[in-house]
Amino acid sequence: MTVGMQLLISIFCIPKISTEGFICSSGKFIGFNQIKNIKSESGMFMSYKQLTVQYEESSEIFKVHSLDYENIKKCIYTYGNIVIKEIDKKEN
């Protein structure tokens, strides 16, 4: 596998979601109770969202499919106690 293919796979890795939290593209598990904030940005492709997840002392950026984003958002509202900030880039 080439480095480019590995990068593409890691960029578009879909997080595994449970009632406790989810696994980011880096492989780190983030519990909903650890999350301070999530910002979402529409990416180049409308079907993907870029999420910036702030937890404890650090943050992680990863991309998820829009449908998975809706699932994550639903889980966070149900199991977590944080604010999701919607940020959509405006094209000039």
Foldseek 3Di string as FASTA:
>chain_A
DDPVVVVVCLQAPQWDQDLQATQHSVRDTDGLAFWAEKEWEQDPDNQKIWIWTDGDDGIDIHMYGPVSVVVRVVSSVVRHDYDYHYDYDDDD
